[in-house]
Protein backbone atom coordinates (compact mmCIF):
# COMPACT_ATOMS: atom_id res chain seq x y z
CA MET A 1 17.69 13.99 10.25
CA LEU A 2 13.96 14.09 11.06
CA ILE A 3 11.94 17.26 10.53
CA PRO A 4 8.52 17.74 12.24
CA LEU A 5 5.69 18.56 9.84
CA PHE A 6 3.68 20.40 12.49
CA ASP A 7 4.17 22.57 15.58
CA TYR A 8 3.24 19.77 17.98
CA ASP A 9 3.76 21.78 21.19
CA LYS A 10 1.48 24.61 20.08
CA HIS A 11 -1.36 22.39 18.86
CA ARG A 12 -0.89 19.37 21.18
CA ILE A 13 -0.35 16.96 18.28
CA ILE A 14 0.76 13.34 18.76
CA MET A 15 3.57 13.08 16.23
CA GLN A 16 4.28 9.35 16.30
CA THR A 17 2.84 6.09 17.56
CA PRO A 18 2.84 6.41 21.38
CA PHE A 19 4.45 3.84 23.67
CA ARG A 20 4.85 3.53 27.44
CA PHE A 21 8.62 3.44 27.98
CA GLU A 22 8.49 3.76 31.78
CA GLY A 23 12.01 5.20 31.82
CA LYS A 24 13.50 2.63 29.41
CA ASP A 25 15.74 3.66 26.52
CA TYR A 26 13.89 1.40 24.09
CA LEU A 27 11.21 -1.27 23.72
CA TYR A 28 11.66 -4.60 21.93
CA PHE A 29 8.87 -6.33 20.00
CA PRO A 30 10.02 -9.79 18.79
CA ASP A 31 7.24 -10.01 16.19
CA GLY A 32 7.45 -6.35 15.21
CA CYS A 33 4.86 -3.59 15.57
CA LYS A 34 3.35 -0.92 13.36
CA PHE A 35 4.88 2.52 13.72
CA TYR A 36 3.60 5.80 12.25
CA SER A 37 5.31 9.17 12.27
CA LEU A 38 4.53 12.78 11.31
CA TYR A 39 8.18 13.62 10.73
CA ARG A 40 9.91 13.72 7.36
CA THR A 41 13.50 13.27 6.23
CA THR A 42 15.29 15.89 4.13
CA ARG A 43 13.08 14.71 1.24
CA LYS A 44 10.02 16.94 0.73
CA ILE A 45 6.42 15.84 0.25
CA ASN A 46 6.26 14.76 -3.36
CA SER A 47 2.59 14.64 -4.38
CA PHE A 48 -0.99 15.19 -3.34
CA SER A 49 -1.42 11.46 -2.67
CA GLU A 50 1.50 11.63 -0.24
CA LEU A 51 -0.13 14.60 1.47
CA GLU A 52 -3.30 12.52 1.81
CA TYR A 53 -1.30 9.64 3.33
CA ILE A 54 0.08 12.06 5.94
CA ALA A 55 -3.51 13.12 6.69
CA GLU A 56 -4.44 9.45 7.22
CA LYS A 57 -1.56 9.07 9.68
CA PHE A 58 -2.57 12.32 11.39
CA THR A 59 -6.16 11.18 12.03
CA HIS A 60 -4.94 7.73 13.14
CA LEU A 61 -2.53 9.24 15.68
CA ASN A 62 -4.89 12.04 16.75
CA PRO A 63 -8.47 10.69 16.87
CA GLY A 64 -10.99 13.35 17.79
CA PHE A 65 -8.73 16.21 16.65
CA ASP A 66 -10.64 19.36 15.69
CA ILE A 67 -11.31 19.10 11.95
CA GLU A 68 -11.29 22.86 11.34
CA LEU A 69 -7.86 23.18 12.94
CA MET A 70 -6.67 20.13 10.99
CA LYS A 71 -7.83 21.79 7.74
CA LYS A 72 -5.87 24.93 8.61
CA LEU A 73 -2.74 22.94 9.47
CA PHE A 74 -2.85 21.03 6.19
CA VAL A 75 -3.58 24.12 4.10
CA ASP A 76 -0.47 25.65 5.69
CA LEU A 77 1.51 22.43 5.14
CA SER A 78 0.51 22.33 1.47
CA ASP A 79 2.02 25.77 0.84
CA ARG A 80 5.43 25.50 -0.85
CA ASP A 81 6.75 28.39 1.28
CA THR A 82 6.74 26.15 4.38
CA GLY A 83 9.61 24.18 2.86
CA HIS A 84 7.87 20.83 3.41
CA ILE A 85 6.34 20.26 -0.03
CA ILE A 86 7.49 20.66 -3.64
CA ARG A 87 4.44 22.64 -4.81
CA THR A 88 1.45 24.54 -3.46
CA TYR A 89 -2.05 23.02 -3.59
CA GLY A 90 -5.25 25.04 -3.40
CA SER A 91 -7.00 25.34 -0.04
CA THR A 92 -10.36 24.12 -1.42
CA ARG A 93 -8.83 20.87 -2.68
CA VAL A 94 -6.86 20.31 0.54
CA GLU A 95 -9.88 20.95 2.77
CA ALA A 96 -12.02 18.54 0.72
CA MET A 97 -9.34 15.88 1.09
CA ILE A 98 -9.20 16.41 4.87
CA GLU A 99 -12.99 16.01 5.13
CA LYS A 100 -12.80 12.74 3.17
CA VAL A 101 -9.95 11.36 5.30
CA PHE A 102 -11.59 12.53 8.52
CA ASP A 103 -14.85 10.76 7.63
CA LYS A 104 -13.32 7.51 6.34
CA LYS A 105 -10.73 7.14 9.14
CA THR A 106 -8.75 4.66 7.05
CA LYS A 107 -5.98 2.86 8.93
CA PRO A 108 -2.76 3.97 7.22
CA TYR A 109 -0.59 1.55 5.29
CA CYS A 110 2.55 0.44 7.15
CA PRO A 111 5.33 -0.90 4.85
CA ARG A 112 7.56 -2.38 7.57
CA LEU A 113 7.10 -3.55 11.16
CA ARG A 114 9.52 -2.19 13.78
CA LYS A 115 11.12 -4.56 16.28
CA ILE A 116 12.88 -1.88 18.33
CA ILE A 117 11.36 1.49 19.25
CA PHE A 118 13.71 4.01 20.84
CA ASN A 119 12.50 6.44 23.47
CA PRO A 120 12.34 9.86 21.74
CA SER A 121 12.97 11.61 25.07
CA LYS A 122 16.39 9.93 25.39
CA MET A 123 19.44 11.30 23.60
CA ILE A 124 20.88 8.20 21.92
CA ASP A 125 23.28 8.66 19.00
CA ARG A 126 23.10 6.55 15.84
CA LYS A 127 26.13 4.36 16.65
CA GLU A 128 24.72 3.46 20.07
CA LYS A 129 21.34 2.64 18.49
CA MET A 130 23.06 0.33 16.01
CA ARG A 131 24.97 -1.36 18.85
CA ILE A 132 21.73 -1.93 20.75
CA VAL A 133 19.98 -3.34 17.68
CA ALA A 134 22.95 -5.63 17.00
CA SER A 135 23.02 -6.95 20.56
CA ILE A 136 19.30 -7.77 20.55
CA ILE A 137 18.58 -8.95 17.02
CA HIS A 138 22.02 -10.53 16.47
CA THR A 139 24.10 -8.74 13.91
CA LYS A 140 25.26 -10.45 10.72
CA LYS A 141 22.13 -12.58 10.56
CA LYS A 142 21.09 -13.50 7.03
CA PRO A 143 17.83 -11.67 6.26
CA THR A 144 14.89 -13.49 4.74
CA GLU A 145 13.37 -12.62 1.39
CA SER A 146 10.35 -11.05 3.10
CA ASP A 147 12.67 -8.94 5.29
CA ILE A 148 14.42 -7.52 2.25
CA ASP A 149 11.14 -7.15 0.32
CA ALA A 150 9.82 -4.90 3.10
CA VAL A 151 12.92 -2.67 3.10
CA VAL A 152 12.96 -2.44 -0.71
CA GLU A 153 9.29 -1.39 -0.63
CA GLU A 154 10.03 1.20 2.05
CA LEU A 155 12.88 2.67 -0.02
CA TRP A 156 10.63 2.67 -3.10
CA LEU A 157 7.83 4.48 -1.28
CA ASN A 158 10.32 7.06 0.05
CA LYS A 159 11.80 7.41 -3.45
CA GLU A 160 15.28 6.57 -2.19
CA LYS A 161 17.73 4.72 -4.43
CA ILE A 162 17.66 0.98 -3.65
CA THR A 163 21.17 -0.30 -2.96
CA ILE A 164 22.67 -3.31 -1.19
CA SER A 165 24.32 -0.99 1.34
CA LYS A 166 21.06 0.77 2.26
CA VAL A 167 19.15 -2.50 2.61
CA ALA A 168 21.94 -4.06 4.73
CA ASP A 169 22.11 -0.96 6.95
CA LYS A 170 18.36 -0.92 7.60
CA LEU A 171 18.40 -4.63 8.44
CA ASN A 172 21.55 -4.29 10.56
CA THR A 173 23.36 -6.95 8.57
CA SER A 174 26.25 -7.08 6.10
CA ARG A 175 26.36 -6.45 2.37
CA TYR A 176 27.66 -9.99 1.96
CA LEU A 177 24.57 -11.52 3.61
CA THR A 178 22.25 -9.29 1.58
CA ARG A 179 23.87 -9.58 -1.85
CA TRP A 180 22.13 -12.87 -2.71
CA TYR A 181 18.83 -11.01 -3.12
CA PHE A 182 20.19 -8.73 -5.87
CA GLN A 183 20.55 -11.37 -8.57
CA GLY A 184 18.99 -12.27 -11.94
CA ASP A 185 15.55 -10.88 -12.76
CA ARG A 186 15.26 -9.19 -9.38
CA LYS A 187 18.48 -7.25 -9.99
CA LYS A 188 17.11 -6.02 -13.32
CA ALA A 189 13.79 -5.08 -11.69
CA ILE A 190 15.64 -3.04 -9.04
CA GLU A 191 17.73 -1.32 -11.72
CA ASN A 192 14.49 -0.32 -13.47
CA ALA A 193 12.99 0.80 -10.15
CA ASN A 194 16.03 2.98 -9.45
CA LYS A 195 15.70 4.52 -12.89
CA GLU A 196 12.05 5.36 -12.13
CA ILE A 197 13.03 6.74 -8.71
CA LYS A 198 15.64 9.00 -10.30
CA GLU A 199 13.16 10.26 -12.89
CA THR A 200 10.47 10.80 -10.23
CA ASN A 201 12.86 12.86 -8.09
CA LEU A 202 13.94 14.92 -11.11
CA ILE A 203 10.29 15.53 -12.04
CA SER A 204 9.62 16.58 -8.43
CA ARG A 205 12.47 19.07 -8.66
CA ALA A 206 11.05 20.37 -11.95
CA ILE A 207 7.51 20.65 -10.52
CA GLU A 208 8.84 22.66 -7.59
CA ALA A 209 10.57 24.98 -10.07
CA ILE A 210 7.42 25.24 -12.22
CA ASP A 211 5.45 26.30 -9.16
CA VAL A 212 7.98 29.08 -8.56
CA LEU A 213 8.14 30.20 -12.19
CA THR A 214 4.35 30.31 -12.64
CA ASP A 215 3.71 32.05 -9.34
CA LYS A 216 1.22 34.95 -9.64
CA GLY A 217 0.12 33.81 -13.10
CA ASN A 218 3.47 34.19 -14.85
CA LYS A 219 3.87 32.26 -18.11
CA LEU A 220 6.16 29.25 -17.99
CA LYS A 221 9.28 29.43 -20.15
CA MET A 222 11.08 26.13 -20.79
CA ARG A 223 14.42 27.90 -21.12
CA GLU A 224 14.08 29.27 -17.59
CA LEU A 225 12.94 25.87 -16.32
CA LYS A 226 16.02 24.20 -17.79
CA LYS A 227 18.23 26.89 -16.30
CA ILE A 228 17.08 26.70 -12.69
CA THR A 229 16.73 22.88 -12.59
CA SER A 230 19.88 22.00 -14.61
CA ILE A 231 17.75 19.27 -16.23
CA ARG A 232 18.53 18.87 -19.92
CA ASN A 233 16.09 16.04 -20.68
CA TYR A 234 13.34 17.87 -22.59
CA GLN A 235 10.92 14.92 -22.46
CA LEU A 236 11.29 14.70 -18.68
CA LEU A 237 10.56 18.43 -18.37
CA LYS A 238 7.47 18.00 -20.58
CA ASN A 239 6.29 15.18 -18.31
CA ALA A 240 6.79 17.46 -15.30
CA VAL A 241 4.68 20.19 -16.94
CA MET A 242 1.91 17.69 -17.75
CA GLN A 243 1.89 16.34 -14.18
CA TYR A 244 1.80 19.86 -12.80
CA GLN A 245 -1.14 20.81 -15.01
CA ASN A 246 -3.01 17.58 -14.19
CA GLN A 247 -2.74 18.29 -10.46
CA ILE A 248 -4.15 21.80 -10.68
């Protein structure tokens, strides 16, 4: 499920890398191509640095966009009440970040090249997309180390648990042909990464709760924080409080 971060019809925003489909259901790039999007999954924006990365993608996709309107859009986006982000950031800080991004015009980082781009105006269900990918890229092909590295990095950046099944699904191959990668030192590194991902997501949940509990200047009570997050790890909650305070 993809959720738009902005009202693209109202503000005439380009939400993803544009392509000329000329009526086709999809385009195929044998060597892959960079693809940027201003949609999110069910996961919310996790940090101010992630918000800045979205701003970099916004300016890349929408060169010449009115900076004052962009500031307003991102101030709105950075409000927890929109449902897109785990905590609210002050308008002064957000506007300063937008000015910096707007001036630098940094080309955003792209973790993985796309070989197939589907036409967003066509209603194609997930199973049909997988069938198309399989017929073009040849299903059950053993992925290379660099292929898997790119998917693992993408999952890490999205703070999704790294599993053989997820990697195989994204590469349109089988668990059997992917399992070789998850061995020895690399397996241990991925286990550690998944532990960090879990802790990061728990801290994000705690920060979102802290923002609610301290709204309008209310004093934070750890007992209430434990109650509404169901997190019993006191050290993790302390880390969440420290991160929250450092980002103010």
